[in-house]
Amino acid sequence: MKFGNKIRSLREENGLVLRKVAAELEIDTATLSKIELGERNARKEHIKILSKLYNIKTEELIGIWLADKLYGIIENEEHGLLALREAEVLYKSKSK
């Protein structure tokens, strides 16, 4: 998953060890490792903490996190891309 790759890359760039970041998120290192490997999803409340730790805009991380969640829903659906396009149309019409 893209989100896991991104936060692993950011953690390494910032020279932080897994256990330090896990402690900040109040999760165990195994859980954080699974998030970085794309085997588990991060919780939304983790995004703000991670953005502060890694000095990255919260909006950027939320966008990647949401994209991963959406992909997880539609990846095995024959008409997943069509559904995503319809959701975009619906979103745009409601945000006017």
PDB file of N, CA and C in Angstrom:
ATOM      1  N   MET A   1       0.835  -1.192   0.000  1.00  0.00           N
ATOM      2  CA  MET A   1       0.000   0.000   0.000  1.00  0.00           C
ATOM      3  C   MET A   1       0.881   1.259   0.000  1.00  0.00           C
ATOM      4  N   LYS A   2       0.405   2.250  -0.672  1.00  0.00           N
ATOM      5  CA  LYS A   2       1.166   3.482  -0.812  1.00  0.00           C
ATOM      6  C   LYS A   2       1.351   4.196   0.533  1.00  0.00           C
ATOM      7  N   PHE A   3       0.324   4.194   1.383  1.00  0.00           N
ATOM      8  CA  PHE A   3       0.425   4.881   2.667  1.00  0.00           C
ATOM      9  C   PHE A   3       1.529   4.269   3.516  1.00  0.00           C
ATOM     10  N   GLY A   4       1.546   2.955   3.604  1.00  0.00           N
ATOM     11  CA  GLY A   4       2.576   2.277   4.392  1.00  0.00           C
ATOM     12  C   GLY A   4       3.970   2.569   3.884  1.00  0.00           C
ATOM     13  N   ASN A   5       4.132   2.522   2.569  1.00  0.00           N
ATOM     14  CA  ASN A   5       5.438   2.842   1.978  1.00  0.00           C
ATOM     15  C   ASN A   5       5.858   4.263   2.311  1.00  0.00           C
ATOM     16  N   LYS A   6       4.897   5.177   2.232  1.00  0.00           N
ATOM     17  CA  LYS A   6       5.186   6.592   2.488  1.00  0.00           C
ATOM     18  C   LYS A   6       5.631   6.803   3.928  1.00  0.00           C
ATOM     19  N   ILE A   7       4.903   6.239   4.885  1.00  0.00           N
ATOM     20  CA  ILE A   7       5.286   6.503   6.278  1.00  0.00           C
ATOM     21  C   ILE A   7       6.579   5.777   6.658  1.00  0.00           C
ATOM     22  N   ARG A   8       6.843   4.623   6.055  1.00  0.00           N
ATOM     23  CA  ARG A   8       8.119   3.953   6.313  1.00  0.00           C
ATOM     24  C   ARG A   8       9.266   4.802   5.771  1.00  0.00           C
ATOM     25  N   SER A   9       9.092   5.306   4.558  1.00  0.00           N
ATOM     26  CA  SER A   9      10.107   6.154   3.948  1.00  0.00           C
ATOM     27  C   SER A   9      10.360   7.408   4.780  1.00  0.00           C
ATOM     28  N   LEU A  10       9.279   8.045   5.234  1.00  0.00           N
ATOM     29  CA  LEU A  10       9.413   9.247   6.059  1.00  0.00           C
ATOM     30  C   LEU A  10      10.095   8.940   7.394  1.00  0.00           C
ATOM     31  N   ARG A  11       9.753   7.805   7.980  1.00  0.00           N
ATOM     32  CA  ARG A  11      10.372   7.428   9.257  1.00  0.00           C
ATOM     33  C   ARG A  11      11.876   7.256   9.076  1.00  0.00           C
ATOM     34  N   GLU A  12      12.253   6.565   8.020  1.00  0.00           N
ATOM     35  CA  GLU A  12      13.666   6.341   7.755  1.00  0.00           C
ATOM     36  C   GLU A  12      14.396   7.641   7.430  1.00  0.00           C
ATOM     37  N   GLU A  13      13.767   8.509   6.634  1.00  0.00           N
ATOM     38  CA  GLU A  13      14.369   9.804   6.294  1.00  0.00           C
ATOM     39  C   GLU A  13      14.602  10.655   7.543  1.00  0.00           C
ATOM     40  N   ASN A  14      13.716  10.519   8.516  1.00  0.00           N
ATOM     41  CA  ASN A  14      13.822  11.295   9.750  1.00  0.00           C
ATOM     42  C   ASN A  14      14.664  10.598  10.812  1.00  0.00           C
ATOM     43  N   GLY A  15      15.202   9.439  10.482  1.00  0.00           N
ATOM     44  CA  GLY A  15      16.081   8.724  11.394  1.00  0.00           C
ATOM     45  C   GLY A  15      15.391   8.225  12.652  1.00  0.00           C
ATOM     46  N   LEU A  16      14.110   7.903  12.539  1.00  0.00           N
ATOM     47  CA  LEU A  16      13.354   7.428  13.698  1.00  0.00           C
ATOM     48  C   LEU A  16      13.231   5.911  13.665  1.00  0.00           C
ATOM     49  N   VAL A  17      13.350   5.305  14.816  1.00  0.00           N
ATOM     50  CA  VAL A  17      13.187   3.859  14.902  1.00  0.00           C
ATOM     51  C   VAL A  17      11.715   3.513  15.081  1.00  0.00           C
ATOM     52  N   LEU A  18      11.391   2.304  14.698  1.00  0.00           N
ATOM     53  CA  LEU A  18      10.014   1.823  14.746  1.00  0.00           C
ATOM     54  C   LEU A  18       9.401   1.978  16.133  1.00  0.00           C
ATOM     55  N   ARG A  19      10.133   1.620  17.165  1.00  0.00           N
ATOM     56  CA  ARG A  19       9.564   1.655  18.520  1.00  0.00           C
ATOM     57  C   ARG A  19       9.258   3.078  18.998  1.00  0.00           C
ATOM     58  N   LYS A  20      10.048   4.071  18.546  1.00  0.00           N
ATOM     59  CA  LYS A  20       9.803   5.470  18.920  1.00  0.00           C
ATOM     60  C   LYS A  20       8.486   5.955  18.300  1.00  0.00           C
ATOM     61  N   VAL A  21       8.293   5.673  17.023  1.00  0.00           N
ATOM     62  CA  VAL A  21       7.075   6.106  16.338  1.00  0.00           C
ATOM     63  C   VAL A  21       5.875   5.355  16.902  1.00  0.00           C
ATOM     64  N   ALA A  22       6.028   4.065  17.129  1.00  0.00           N
ATOM     65  CA  ALA A  22       4.938   3.268  17.700  1.00  0.00           C
ATOM     66  C   ALA A  22       4.528   3.826  19.063  1.00  0.00           C
ATOM     67  N   ALA A  23       5.496   4.212  19.871  1.00  0.00           N
ATOM     68  CA  ALA A  23       5.189   4.784  21.192  1.00  0.00           C
ATOM     69  C   ALA A  23       4.399   6.083  21.046  1.00  0.00           C
ATOM     70  N   GLU A  24       4.768   6.912  20.082  1.00  0.00           N
ATOM     71  CA  GLU A  24       4.044   8.171  19.847  1.00  0.00           C
ATOM     72  C   GLU A  24       2.597   7.900  19.422  1.00  0.00           C
ATOM     73  N   LEU A  25       2.394   6.815  18.675  1.00  0.00           N
ATOM     74  CA  LEU A  25       1.053   6.453  18.211  1.00  0.00           C
ATOM     75  C   LEU A  25       0.278   5.630  19.234  1.00  0.00           C
ATOM     76  N   GLU A  26       0.969   5.237  20.307  1.00  0.00           N
ATOM     77  CA  GLU A  26       0.391   4.395  21.358  1.00  0.00           C
ATOM     78  C   GLU A  26      -0.084   3.050  20.814  1.00  0.00           C
ATOM     79  N   ILE A  27       0.770   2.459  19.956  1.00  0.00           N
ATOM     80  CA  ILE A  27       0.545   1.119  19.427  1.00  0.00           C
ATOM     81  C   ILE A  27       1.846   0.342  19.590  1.00  0.00           C
ATOM     82  N   ASP A  28       1.794  -0.966  19.418  1.00  0.00           N
ATOM     83  CA  ASP A  28       3.039  -1.729  19.533  1.00  0.00           C
ATOM     84  C   ASP A  28       3.797  -1.715  18.201  1.00  0.00           C
ATOM     85  N   THR A  29       5.059  -2.074  18.262  1.00  0.00           N
ATOM     86  CA  THR A  29       5.903  -2.022  17.061  1.00  0.00           C
ATOM     87  C   THR A  29       5.423  -2.989  15.982  1.00  0.00           C
ATOM     88  N   ALA A  30       4.872  -4.120  16.387  1.00  0.00           N
ATOM     89  CA  ALA A  30       4.370  -5.089  15.407  1.00  0.00           C
ATOM     90  C   ALA A  30       3.229  -4.482  14.589  1.00  0.00           C
ATOM     91  N   THR A  31       2.356  -3.750  15.252  1.00  0.00           N
ATOM     92  CA  THR A  31       1.234  -3.107  14.549  1.00  0.00           C
ATOM     93  C   THR A  31       1.745  -2.060  13.572  1.00  0.00           C
ATOM     94  N   LEU A  32       2.691  -1.235  14.016  1.00  0.00           N
ATOM     95  CA  LEU A  32       3.246  -0.223  13.112  1.00  0.00           C
ATOM     96  C   LEU A  32       3.948  -0.881  11.937  1.00  0.00           C
ATOM     97  N   SER A  33       4.660  -1.934  12.192  1.00  0.00           N
ATOM     98  CA  SER A  33       5.328  -2.664  11.113  1.00  0.00           C
ATOM     99  C   SER A  33       4.309  -3.162  10.094  1.00  0.00           C
ATOM    100  N   LYS A  34       3.191  -3.692  10.560  1.00  0.00           N
ATOM    101  CA  LYS A  34       2.141  -4.173   9.657  1.00  0.00           C
ATOM    102  C   LYS A  34       1.518  -3.026   8.863  1.00  0.00           C
ATOM    103  N   ILE A  35       1.382  -1.863   9.482  1.00  0.00           N
ATOM    104  CA  ILE A  35       0.865  -0.691   8.775  1.00  0.00           C
ATOM    105  C   ILE A  35       1.840  -0.299   7.667  1.00  0.00           C
ATOM    106  N   GLU A  36       3.129  -0.263   7.994  1.00  0.00           N
ATOM    107  CA  GLU A  36       4.130   0.100   6.993  1.00  0.00           C
ATOM    108  C   GLU A  36       4.210  -0.910   5.850  1.00  0.00           C
ATOM    109  N   LEU A  37       3.925  -2.162   6.150  1.00  0.00           N
ATOM    110  CA  LEU A  37       3.946  -3.209   5.115  1.00  0.00           C
ATOM    111  C   LEU A  37       2.636  -3.306   4.340  1.00  0.00           C
ATOM    112  N   GLY A  38       1.624  -2.530   4.747  1.00  0.00           N
ATOM    113  CA  GLY A  38       0.334  -2.548   4.073  1.00  0.00           C
ATOM    114  C   GLY A  38      -0.557  -3.704   4.500  1.00  0.00           C
ATOM    115  N   GLU A  39      -0.217  -4.343   5.607  1.00  0.00           N
ATOM    116  CA  GLU A  39      -1.008  -5.470   6.102  1.00  0.00           C
ATOM    117  C   GLU A  39      -2.121  -5.032   7.048  1.00  0.00           C
ATOM    118  N   ARG A  40      -2.041  -3.819   7.538  1.00  0.00           N
ATOM    119  CA  ARG A  40      -3.076  -3.231   8.400  1.00  0.00           C
ATOM    120  C   ARG A  40      -3.257  -1.785   8.005  1.00  0.00           C
ATOM    121  N   ASN A  41      -4.407  -1.241   8.354  1.00  0.00           N
ATOM    122  CA  ASN A  41      -4.663   0.172   8.088  1.00  0.00           C
ATOM    123  C   ASN A  41      -4.400   0.998   9.332  1.00  0.00           C
ATOM    124  N   ALA A  42      -3.825   2.164   9.122  1.00  0.00           N
ATOM    125  CA  ALA A  42      -3.656   3.112  10.224  1.00  0.00           C
ATOM    126  C   ALA A  42      -5.019   3.689  10.573  1.00  0.00           C
ATOM    127  N   ARG A  43      -5.155   4.133  11.791  1.00  0.00           N
ATOM    128  CA  ARG A  43      -6.388   4.821  12.190  1.00  0.00           C
ATOM    129  C   ARG A  43      -6.249   6.303  11.832  1.00  0.00           C
ATOM    130  N   LYS A  44      -7.373   6.919  11.589  1.00  0.00           N
ATOM    131  CA  LYS A  44      -7.361   8.328  11.174  1.00  0.00           C
ATOM    132  C   LYS A  44      -6.675   9.214  12.206  1.00  0.00           C
ATOM    133  N   GLU A  45      -6.837   8.900  13.481  1.00  0.00           N
ATOM    134  CA  GLU A  45      -6.219   9.732  14.517  1.00  0.00           C
ATOM    135  C   GLU A  45      -4.692   9.649  14.502  1.00  0.00           C
ATOM    136  N   HIS A  46      -4.145   8.665  13.816  1.00  0.00           N
ATOM    137  CA  HIS A  46      -2.687   8.555  13.699  1.00  0.00           C
ATOM    138  C   HIS A  46      -2.111   9.577  12.719  1.00  0.00           C
ATOM    139  N   ILE A  47      -2.923  10.028  11.791  1.00  0.00           N
ATOM    140  CA  ILE A  47      -2.438  10.891  10.712  1.00  0.00           C
ATOM    141  C   ILE A  47      -1.835  12.184  11.246  1.00  0.00           C
ATOM    142  N   LYS A  48      -2.529  12.839  12.150  1.00  0.00           N
ATOM    143  CA  LYS A  48      -2.041  14.109  12.692  1.00  0.00           C
ATOM    144  C   LYS A  48      -0.717  13.915  13.438  1.00  0.00           C
ATOM    145  N   ILE A  49      -0.614  12.846  14.198  1.00  0.00           N
ATOM    146  CA  ILE A  49       0.619  12.549  14.942  1.00  0.00           C
ATOM    147  C   ILE A  49       1.762  12.298  13.965  1.00  0.00           C
ATOM    148  N   LEU A  50       1.498  11.486  12.952  1.00  0.00           N
ATOM    149  CA  LEU A  50       2.536  11.184  11.963  1.00  0.00           C
ATOM    150  C   LEU A  50       2.968  12.431  11.203  1.00  0.00           C
ATOM    151  N   SER A  51       2.025  13.292  10.863  1.00  0.00           N
ATOM    152  CA  SER A  51       2.378  14.499  10.111  1.00  0.00           C
ATOM    153  C   SER A  51       3.283  15.409  10.943  1.00  0.00           C
ATOM    154  N   LYS A  52       3.044  15.467  12.242  1.00  0.00           N
ATOM    155  CA  LYS A  52       3.918  16.276  13.109  1.00  0.00           C
ATOM    156  C   LYS A  52       5.291  15.632  13.246  1.00  0.00           C
ATOM    157  N   LEU A  53       5.318  14.323  13.455  1.00  0.00           N
ATOM    158  CA  LEU A  53       6.592  13.614  13.603  1.00  0.00           C
ATOM    159  C   LEU A  53       7.472  13.753  12.367  1.00  0.00           C
ATOM    160  N   TYR A  54       6.841  13.679  11.198  1.00  0.00           N
ATOM    161  CA  TYR A  54       7.579  13.655   9.948  1.00  0.00           C
ATOM    162  C   TYR A  54       7.615  14.993   9.228  1.00  0.00           C
ATOM    163  N   ASN A  55       7.015  16.009   9.845  1.00  0.00           N
ATOM    164  CA  ASN A  55       7.008  17.353   9.282  1.00  0.00           C
ATOM    165  C   ASN A  55       6.466  17.356   7.844  1.00  0.00           C
ATOM    166  N   ILE A  56       5.269  16.800   7.714  1.00  0.00           N
ATOM    167  CA  ILE A  56       4.595  16.739   6.413  1.00  0.00           C
ATOM    168  C   ILE A  56       3.161  17.237   6.616  1.00  0.00           C
ATOM    169  N   LYS A  57       2.586  17.829   5.608  1.00  0.00           N
ATOM    170  CA  LYS A  57       1.223  18.356   5.722  1.00  0.00           C
ATOM    171  C   LYS A  57       0.245  17.227   6.011  1.00  0.00           C
ATOM    172  N   THR A  58      -0.625  17.469   6.978  1.00  0.00           N
ATOM    173  CA  THR A  58      -1.643  16.491   7.350  1.00  0.00           C
ATOM    174  C   THR A  58      -2.508  16.136   6.150  1.00  0.00           C
ATOM    175  N   GLU A  59      -2.859  17.141   5.337  1.00  0.00           N
ATOM    176  CA  GLU A  59      -3.711  16.922   4.175  1.00  0.00           C
ATOM    177  C   GLU A  59      -3.086  15.932   3.193  1.00  0.00           C
ATOM    178  N   GLU A  60      -1.772  16.004   3.038  1.00  0.00           N
ATOM    179  CA  GLU A  60      -1.092  15.085   2.111  1.00  0.00           C
ATOM    180  C   GLU A  60      -1.199  13.647   2.600  1.00  0.00           C
ATOM    181  N   LEU A  61      -0.948  13.446   3.898  1.00  0.00           N
ATOM    182  CA  LEU A  61      -1.050  12.094   4.451  1.00  0.00           C
ATOM    183  C   LEU A  61      -2.488  11.584   4.440  1.00  0.00           C
ATOM    184  N   ILE A  62      -3.440  12.450   4.725  1.00  0.00           N
ATOM    185  CA  ILE A  62      -4.851  12.032   4.692  1.00  0.00           C
ATOM    186  C   ILE A  62      -5.241  11.609   3.273  1.00  0.00           C
ATOM    187  N   GLY A  63      -4.778  12.354   2.278  1.00  0.00           N
ATOM    188  CA  GLY A  63      -5.080  12.002   0.897  1.00  0.00           C
ATOM    189  C   GLY A  63      -4.561  10.617   0.531  1.00  0.00           C
ATOM    190  N   ILE A  64      -3.334  10.313   0.933  1.00  0.00           N
ATOM    191  CA  ILE A  64      -2.744   9.001   0.650  1.00  0.00           C
ATOM    192  C   ILE A  64      -3.477   7.921   1.434  1.00  0.00           C
ATOM    193  N   TRP A  65      -3.784   8.200   2.696  1.00  0.00           N
ATOM    194  CA  TRP A  65      -4.493   7.246   3.567  1.00  0.00           C
ATOM    195  C   TRP A  65      -5.876   6.915   2.988  1.00  0.00           C
ATOM    196  N   LEU A  66      -6.607   7.949   2.594  1.00  0.00           N
ATOM    197  CA  LEU A  66      -7.938   7.730   2.020  1.00  0.00           C
ATOM    198  C   LEU A  66      -7.862   6.988   0.690  1.00  0.00           C
ATOM    199  N   ALA A  67      -6.883   7.330  -0.140  1.00  0.00           N
ATOM    200  CA  ALA A  67      -6.722   6.643  -1.420  1.00  0.00           C
ATOM    201  C   ALA A  67      -6.498   5.147  -1.199  1.00  0.00           C
ATOM    202  N   ASP A  68      -5.684   4.799  -0.210  1.00  0.00           N
ATOM    203  CA  ASP A  68      -5.464   3.388   0.107  1.00  0.00           C
ATOM    204  C   ASP A  68      -6.757   2.713   0.560  1.00  0.00           C
ATOM    205  N   LYS A  69      -7.529   3.398   1.386  1.00  0.00           N
ATOM    206  CA  LYS A  69      -8.792   2.825   1.863  1.00  0.00           C
ATOM    207  C   LYS A  69      -9.756   2.593   0.688  1.00  0.00           C
ATOM    208  N   LEU A  70      -9.861   3.583  -0.184  1.00  0.00           N
ATOM    209  CA  LEU A  70     -10.740   3.441  -1.343  1.00  0.00           C
ATOM    210  C   LEU A  70     -10.278   2.310  -2.255  1.00  0.00           C
ATOM    211  N   TYR A  71      -8.994   2.244  -2.476  1.00  0.00           N
ATOM    212  CA  TYR A  71      -8.468   1.174  -3.321  1.00  0.00           C
ATOM    213  C   TYR A  71      -8.775  -0.195  -2.723  1.00  0.00           C
ATOM    214  N   GLY A  72      -8.643  -0.306  -1.415  1.00  0.00           N
ATOM    215  CA  GLY A  72      -8.954  -1.566  -0.739  1.00  0.00           C
ATOM    216  C   GLY A  72     -10.392  -2.005  -0.958  1.00  0.00           C
ATOM    217  N   ILE A  73     -11.279  -1.045  -1.093  1.00  0.00           N
ATOM    218  CA  ILE A  73     -12.694  -1.353  -1.316  1.00  0.00           C
ATOM    219  C   ILE A  73     -12.952  -1.785  -2.758  1.00  0.00           C
ATOM    220  N   ILE A  74     -12.316  -1.131  -3.714  1.00  0.00           N
ATOM    221  CA  ILE A  74     -12.658  -1.376  -5.120  1.00  0.00           C
ATOM    222  C   ILE A  74     -11.693  -2.280  -5.871  1.00  0.00           C
ATOM    223  N   GLU A  75     -10.570  -2.661  -5.268  1.00  0.00           N
ATOM    224  CA  GLU A  75      -9.526  -3.363  -6.023  1.00  0.00           C
ATOM    225  C   GLU A  75      -9.987  -4.652  -6.699  1.00  0.00           C
ATOM    226  N   ASN A  76     -10.893  -5.373  -6.102  1.00  0.00           N
ATOM    227  CA  ASN A  76     -11.343  -6.637  -6.689  1.00  0.00           C
ATOM    228  C   ASN A  76     -12.739  -6.540  -7.308  1.00  0.00           C
ATOM    229  N   GLU A  77     -13.211  -5.350  -7.464  1.00  0.00           N
ATOM    230  CA  GLU A  77     -14.531  -5.125  -8.049  1.00  0.00           C
ATOM    231  C   GLU A  77     -14.397  -4.888  -9.550  1.00  0.00           C
ATOM    232  N   GLU A  78     -15.174  -5.596 -10.312  1.00  0.00           N
ATOM    233  CA  GLU A  78     -15.129  -5.465 -11.767  1.00  0.00           C
ATOM    234  C   GLU A  78     -15.407  -4.030 -12.209  1.00  0.00           C
ATOM    235  N   HIS A  79     -16.300  -3.364 -11.517  1.00  0.00           N
ATOM    236  CA  HIS A  79     -16.698  -2.007 -11.897  1.00  0.00           C
ATOM    237  C   HIS A  79     -16.222  -0.972 -10.877  1.00  0.00           C
ATOM    238  N   GLY A  80     -15.117  -1.272 -10.233  1.00  0.00           N
ATOM    239  CA  GLY A  80     -14.586  -0.389  -9.192  1.00  0.00           C
ATOM    240  C   GLY A  80     -14.256   1.001  -9.683  1.00  0.00           C
ATOM    241  N   LEU A  81     -13.609   1.094 -10.825  1.00  0.00           N
ATOM    242  CA  LEU A  81     -13.240   2.402 -11.357  1.00  0.00           C
ATOM    243  C   LEU A  81     -14.478   3.215 -11.726  1.00  0.00           C
ATOM    244  N   LEU A  82     -15.459   2.562 -12.281  1.00  0.00           N
ATOM    245  CA  LEU A  82     -16.717   3.235 -12.595  1.00  0.00           C
ATOM    246  C   LEU A  82     -17.355   3.774 -11.315  1.00  0.00           C
ATOM    247  N   ALA A  83     -17.369   2.965 -10.281  1.00  0.00           N
ATOM    248  CA  ALA A  83     -17.942   3.395  -9.001  1.00  0.00           C
ATOM    249  C   ALA A  83     -17.187   4.595  -8.441  1.00  0.00           C
ATOM    250  N   LEU A  84     -15.874   4.584  -8.571  1.00  0.00           N
ATOM    251  CA  LEU A  84     -15.066   5.697  -8.092  1.00  0.00           C
ATOM    252  C   LEU A  84     -15.384   6.982  -8.848  1.00  0.00           C
ATOM    253  N   ARG A  85     -15.575   6.858 -10.143  1.00  0.00           N
ATOM    254  CA  ARG A  85     -15.951   8.032 -10.950  1.00  0.00           C
ATOM    255  C   ARG A  85     -17.326   8.562 -10.551  1.00  0.00           C
ATOM    256  N   GLU A  86     -18.265   7.644 -10.308  1.00  0.00           N
ATOM    257  CA  GLU A  86     -19.603   8.054  -9.879  1.00  0.00           C
ATOM    258  C   GLU A  86     -19.550   8.748  -8.516  1.00  0.00           C
ATOM    259  N   ALA A  87     -18.706   8.239  -7.634  1.00  0.00           N
ATOM    260  CA  ALA A  87     -18.550   8.866  -6.316  1.00  0.00           C
ATOM    261  C   ALA A  87     -17.982  10.273  -6.459  1.00  0.00           C
ATOM    262  N   GLU A  88     -17.068  10.454  -7.407  1.00  0.00           N
ATOM    263  CA  GLU A  88     -16.502  11.782  -7.643  1.00  0.00           C
ATOM    264  C   GLU A  88     -17.577  12.753  -8.127  1.00  0.00           C
ATOM    265  N   VAL A  89     -18.414  12.309  -9.035  1.00  0.00           N
ATOM    266  CA  VAL A  89     -19.511  13.138  -9.534  1.00  0.00           C
ATOM    267  C   VAL A  89     -20.444  13.507  -8.388  1.00  0.00           C
ATOM    268  N   LEU A  90     -20.795  12.533  -7.577  1.00  0.00           N
ATOM    269  CA  LEU A  90     -21.664  12.771  -6.428  1.00  0.00           C
ATOM    270  C   LEU A  90     -21.039  13.760  -5.464  1.00  0.00           C
ATOM    271  N   TYR A  91     -19.756  13.585  -5.189  1.00  0.00           N
ATOM    272  CA  TYR A  91     -19.039  14.479  -4.275  1.00  0.00           C
ATOM    273  C   TYR A  91     -19.050  15.917  -4.801  1.00  0.00           C
ATOM    274  N   LYS A  92     -18.759  16.069  -6.077  1.00  0.00           N
ATOM    275  CA  LYS A  92     -18.708  17.408  -6.672  1.00  0.00           C
ATOM    276  C   LYS A  92     -20.085  18.066  -6.642  1.00  0.00           C
ATOM    277  N   SER A  93     -21.135  17.298  -6.881  1.00  0.00           N
ATOM    278  CA  SER A  93     -22.478  17.886  -6.891  1.00  0.00           C
ATOM    279  C   SER A  93     -22.924  18.298  -5.487  1.00  0.00           C
ATOM    280  N   LYS A  94     -22.483  17.588  -4.465  1.00  0.00           N
ATOM    281  CA  LYS A  94     -22.867  17.920  -3.090  1.00  0.00           C
ATOM    282  C   LYS A  94     -22.025  19.023  -2.503  1.00  0.00           C
ATOM    283  N   SER A  95     -20.834  19.269  -3.062  1.00  0.00           N
ATOM    284  CA  SER A  95     -19.959  20.291  -2.497  1.00  0.00           C
ATOM    285  C   SER A  95     -20.183  21.666  -3.102  1.00  0.00           C
ATOM    286  N   LYS A  96     -21.159  21.778  -4.006  1.00  0.00           N
ATOM    287  CA  LYS A  96     -21.461  23.076  -4.637  1.00  0.00           C
ATOM    288  C   LYS A  96     -22.362  23.893  -3.773  1.00  0.00           C
TER     289      LYS A  96
END
